[in-house]
C-alpha atoms as a PDB file:
ATOM      1  CA  MET A   1     -90.216 -79.654 -55.635  1.00  0.00           C
ATOM      2  CA  SER A   2     -87.192 -77.506 -56.125  1.00  0.00           C
ATOM      3  CA  ILE A   3     -86.723 -75.777 -59.735  1.00  0.00           C
ATOM      4  CA  ASN A   4     -83.507 -74.907 -61.001  1.00  0.00           C
ATOM      5  CA  VAL A   5     -84.337 -71.344 -62.713  1.00  0.00           C
ATOM      6  CA  GLN A   6     -81.241 -71.678 -64.976  1.00  0.00           C
ATOM      7  CA  GLU A   7     -81.984 -74.923 -66.202  1.00  0.00           C
ATOM      8  CA  ALA A   8     -85.962 -74.267 -66.841  1.00  0.00           C
ATOM      9  CA  VAL A   9     -84.790 -71.007 -68.706  1.00  0.00           C
ATOM     10  CA  PHE A  10     -82.475 -72.851 -71.013  1.00  0.00           C
ATOM     11  CA  GLY A  11     -85.121 -75.554 -71.320  1.00  0.00           C
ATOM     12  CA  CYS A  12     -87.489 -73.239 -72.513  1.00  0.00           C
ATOM     13  CA  ALA A  13     -85.130 -71.546 -74.839  1.00  0.00           C
ATOM     14  CA  GLY A  14     -84.437 -74.896 -76.322  1.00  0.00           C
ATOM     15  CA  TYR A  15     -88.130 -75.639 -76.737  1.00  0.00           C
ATOM     16  CA  LEU A  16     -88.931 -72.025 -78.539  1.00  0.00           C
ATOM     17  CA  ALA A  17     -86.042 -72.892 -80.718  1.00  0.00           C
ATOM     18  CA  GLU A  18     -87.242 -75.977 -81.686  1.00  0.00           C
ATOM     19  CA  HIS A  19     -90.654 -74.561 -82.337  1.00  0.00           C
ATOM     20  CA  ASN A  20     -89.023 -72.216 -84.989  1.00  0.00           C
ATOM     21  CA  GLY A  21     -88.290 -69.228 -82.652  1.00  0.00           C
ATOM     22  CA  GLY A  22     -85.724 -67.578 -84.630  1.00  0.00           C
ATOM     23  CA  ASP A  23     -82.389 -66.541 -83.517  1.00  0.00           C
ATOM     24  CA  THR A  24     -82.897 -67.696 -79.756  1.00  0.00           C
ATOM     25  CA  ILE A  25     -80.647 -66.245 -76.927  1.00  0.00           C
ATOM     26  CA  VAL A  26     -80.608 -66.543 -73.360  1.00  0.00           C
ATOM     27  CA  LEU A  27     -79.096 -63.156 -71.625  1.00  0.00           C
ATOM     28  CA  ASP A  28     -77.835 -63.801 -68.183  1.00  0.00           C
ATOM     29  CA  LEU A  29     -78.457 -60.636 -66.431  1.00  0.00           C
ATOM     30  CA  ARG A  30     -77.703 -61.878 -62.706  1.00  0.00           C
ATOM     31  CA  LYS A  31     -74.808 -59.375 -62.592  1.00  0.00           C
ATOM     32  CA  LEU A  32     -76.693 -56.499 -64.078  1.00  0.00           C
ATOM     33  CA  SER A  33     -80.174 -56.498 -62.595  1.00  0.00           C
ATOM     34  CA  THR A  34     -81.694 -57.004 -59.540  1.00  0.00           C
ATOM     35  CA  TRP A  35     -85.513 -57.476 -60.994  1.00  0.00           C
ATOM     36  CA  THR A  36     -84.748 -60.385 -63.035  1.00  0.00           C
ATOM     37  CA  ASP A  37     -82.162 -63.018 -63.847  1.00  0.00           C
ATOM     38  CA  PHE A  38     -82.559 -63.792 -67.428  1.00  0.00           C
ATOM     39  CA  PHE A  39     -83.995 -62.492 -70.588  1.00  0.00           C
ATOM     40  CA  ILE A  40     -85.234 -65.355 -73.283  1.00  0.00           C
ATOM     41  CA  VAL A  41     -85.381 -63.592 -76.644  1.00  0.00           C
ATOM     42  CA  THR A  42     -86.915 -65.057 -79.840  1.00  0.00           C
ATOM     43  CA  SER A  43     -88.229 -63.957 -83.224  1.00  0.00           C
ATOM     44  CA  ALA A  44     -91.506 -65.148 -84.425  1.00  0.00           C
ATOM     45  CA  THR A  45     -92.468 -64.839 -88.316  1.00  0.00           C
ATOM     46  CA  SER A  46     -96.053 -63.850 -87.994  1.00  0.00           C
ATOM     47  CA  SER A  47     -98.467 -62.810 -85.254  1.00  0.00           C
ATOM     48  CA  VAL A  48     -99.833 -66.251 -85.497  1.00  0.00           C
ATOM     49  CA  HIS A  49     -96.233 -67.774 -84.750  1.00  0.00           C
ATOM     50  CA  LEU A  50     -95.909 -65.476 -81.927  1.00  0.00           C
ATOM     51  CA  LYS A  51     -98.665 -66.371 -80.308  1.00  0.00           C
ATOM     52  CA  GLY A  52     -98.211 -69.837 -80.973  1.00  0.00           C
ATOM     53  CA  LEU A  53     -94.451 -69.195 -79.312  1.00  0.00           C
ATOM     54  CA  ALA A  54     -96.030 -67.524 -76.247  1.00  0.00           C
ATOM     55  CA  LYS A  55     -98.484 -70.871 -75.804  1.00  0.00           C
ATOM     56  CA  HIS A  56     -95.345 -73.107 -76.138  1.00  0.00           C
ATOM     57  CA  ALA A  57     -93.313 -70.997 -73.342  1.00  0.00           C
ATOM     58  CA  GLU A  58     -96.290 -71.762 -71.165  1.00  0.00           C
ATOM     59  CA  ASP A  59     -96.864 -75.353 -71.981  1.00  0.00           C
ATOM     60  CA  TYR A  60     -93.181 -76.089 -71.430  1.00  0.00           C
ATOM     61  CA  LEU A  61     -92.954 -74.276 -68.113  1.00  0.00           C
ATOM     62  CA  GLY A  62     -96.370 -75.068 -66.652  1.00  0.00           C
ATOM     63  CA  PRO A  63     -95.558 -78.785 -65.771  1.00  0.00           C
ATOM     64  CA  LEU A  64     -92.576 -77.121 -63.630  1.00  0.00           C
ATOM     65  CA  GLY A  65     -94.942 -75.212 -61.821  1.00  0.00           C
ATOM     66  CA  ILE A  66     -93.685 -71.910 -63.433  1.00  0.00           C
ATOM     67  CA  SER A  67     -96.437 -69.653 -64.651  1.00  0.00           C
ATOM     68  CA  PRO A  68     -96.277 -66.041 -65.907  1.00  0.00           C
ATOM     69  CA  GLN A  69     -97.188 -63.110 -63.405  1.00  0.00           C
ATOM     70  CA  ARG A  70     -99.916 -62.059 -65.885  1.00  0.00           C
ATOM     71  CA  ARG A  71    -101.061 -63.274 -69.335  1.00  0.00           C
ATOM     72  CA  PRO A  72    -100.966 -60.617 -71.899  1.00  0.00           C
ATOM     73  CA  ARG A  73    -103.837 -60.091 -74.375  1.00  0.00           C
ATOM     74  CA  LEU A  74    -102.186 -60.405 -77.778  1.00  0.00           C
ATOM     75  CA  ALA A  75    -103.674 -58.369 -80.668  1.00  0.00           C
ATOM     76  CA  ASP A  76    -103.767 -60.254 -84.284  1.00  0.00           C
ATOM     77  CA  ASP A  77    -100.936 -57.489 -85.506  1.00  0.00           C
ATOM     78  CA  GLU A  78     -98.901 -57.777 -82.215  1.00  0.00           C
ATOM     79  CA  GLN A  79     -95.053 -57.206 -82.715  1.00  0.00           C
ATOM     80  CA  TRP A  80     -93.862 -57.867 -79.209  1.00  0.00           C
ATOM     81  CA  CYS A  81     -95.212 -60.233 -76.634  1.00  0.00           C
ATOM     82  CA  LEU A  82     -93.299 -60.029 -73.130  1.00  0.00           C
ATOM     83  CA  LEU A  83     -93.859 -63.192 -70.711  1.00  0.00           C
ATOM     84  CA  ASP A  84     -92.830 -62.167 -67.172  1.00  0.00           C
ATOM     85  CA  PHE A  85     -91.890 -65.384 -64.929  1.00  0.00           C
ATOM     86  CA  GLY A  86     -90.382 -63.403 -62.270  1.00  0.00           C
ATOM     87  CA  ASP A  87     -86.947 -64.650 -62.086  1.00  0.00           C
ATOM     88  CA  PHE A  88     -86.879 -64.439 -65.928  1.00  0.00           C
ATOM     89  CA  VAL A  89     -88.525 -62.830 -68.768  1.00  0.00           C
ATOM     90  CA  VAL A  90     -89.391 -64.364 -72.599  1.00  0.00           C
ATOM     91  CA  HIS A  91     -89.313 -61.698 -75.290  1.00  0.00           C
ATOM     92  CA  ILE A  92     -91.277 -63.064 -78.407  1.00  0.00           C
ATOM     93  CA  MET A  93     -90.852 -60.555 -81.057  1.00  0.00           C
ATOM     94  CA  ALA A  94     -91.426 -59.993 -84.819  1.00  0.00           C
ATOM     95  CA  ALA A  95     -88.125 -59.379 -86.794  1.00  0.00           C
ATOM     96  CA  ASP A  96     -88.958 -55.744 -87.208  1.00  0.00           C
ATOM     97  CA  ALA A  97     -89.503 -55.066 -83.484  1.00  0.00           C
ATOM     98  CA  ARG A  98     -86.119 -56.790 -82.719  1.00  0.00           C
ATOM     99  CA  ALA A  99     -84.208 -55.045 -85.281  1.00  0.00           C
ATOM    100  CA  PHE A 100     -85.564 -51.814 -83.689  1.00  0.00           C
ATOM    101  CA  TYR A 101     -85.319 -52.453 -79.746  1.00  0.00           C
ATOM    102  CA  GLU A 102     -82.059 -54.612 -79.960  1.00  0.00           C
ATOM    103  CA  LEU A 103     -82.295 -55.936 -76.484  1.00  0.00           C
ATOM    104  CA  ASP A 104     -79.005 -57.633 -77.019  1.00  0.00           C
ATOM    105  CA  LYS A 105     -77.190 -54.420 -77.602  1.00  0.00           C
ATOM    106  CA  LEU A 106     -79.191 -52.739 -74.966  1.00  0.00           C
ATOM    107  CA  TRP A 107     -77.945 -55.458 -72.467  1.00  0.00           C
ATOM    108  CA  PHE A 108     -74.751 -55.798 -74.042  1.00  0.00           C
ATOM    109  CA  GLU A 109     -72.982 -56.307 -70.731  1.00  0.00           C
ATOM    110  CA  ALA A 110     -74.891 -59.420 -70.166  1.00  0.00           C
ATOM    111  CA  GLU A 111     -73.411 -62.956 -70.777  1.00  0.00           C
ATOM    112  CA  LEU A 112     -75.198 -63.763 -74.051  1.00  0.00           C
ATOM    113  CA  THR A 113     -75.823 -67.636 -75.209  1.00  0.00           C
ATOM    114  CA  GLN A 114     -77.323 -68.836 -78.346  1.00  0.00           C
ATOM    115  CA  VAL A 115     -79.619 -71.671 -78.409  1.00  0.00           C
ATOM    116  CA  ARG A 116     -80.400 -73.995 -80.952  1.00  0.00           C
ATOM    117  CA  ALA A 117     -83.166 -76.646 -81.151  1.00  0.00           C
ATOM    118  CA  PRO A 118     -81.850 -80.019 -79.655  1.00  0.00           C
ATOM    119  CA  GLY A 119     -80.439 -82.054 -82.339  1.00  0.00           C
ATOM    120  CA  VAL A 120     -79.684 -79.385 -84.571  1.00  0.00           C
ATOM    121  CA  PRO A 121     -75.864 -78.785 -85.392  1.00  0.00           C
ATOM    122  CA  GLU A 122     -73.973 -75.837 -84.817  1.00  0.00           C
ATOM    123  CA  THR A 123     -72.922 -73.976 -88.055  1.00  0.00           C
ATOM    124  CA  THR A 124     -69.373 -73.030 -88.933  1.00  0.00           C
ATOM    125  CA  PRO A 125     -68.717 -69.378 -89.714  1.00  0.00           C
END
C-alpha cells in the first residue's frame, strides 16, 4: 500500500482540529529541510487534552501504517508533545509553550496552511 505523505499530514491535521486542537497549522518544510517534510502544530488546552490529541494522532495514522519512531512518556504537567513520524513531525503544545517557541516564526520561510476541522466554515476578517 502506497501512502501519500501529504494526504496523511493534512488528514491528521484535520483530525486534530476536529478534536479541538487549537489553531492547527501545517508547515511545508520540503524546500527547507532534509530531515523531515512537514510539521503539524496544534494547541492543547490542558495536559489531559495534550495526551488525548497525541492519542488521536496515533489513532488516525495507525490504520495507514504510520507510527511514531518513538512514543514519548508524557508527564502530568507536560507543555509540549513531539511525535516524530519521520516524514513529518506533530507538535502538540500548550498555549504558553506555543507562544514562547513560536515554531511558525522560527520556520517563517515554510509554506503555512491553516487547517480547520471538516465542516467548520472559514471566518472572514
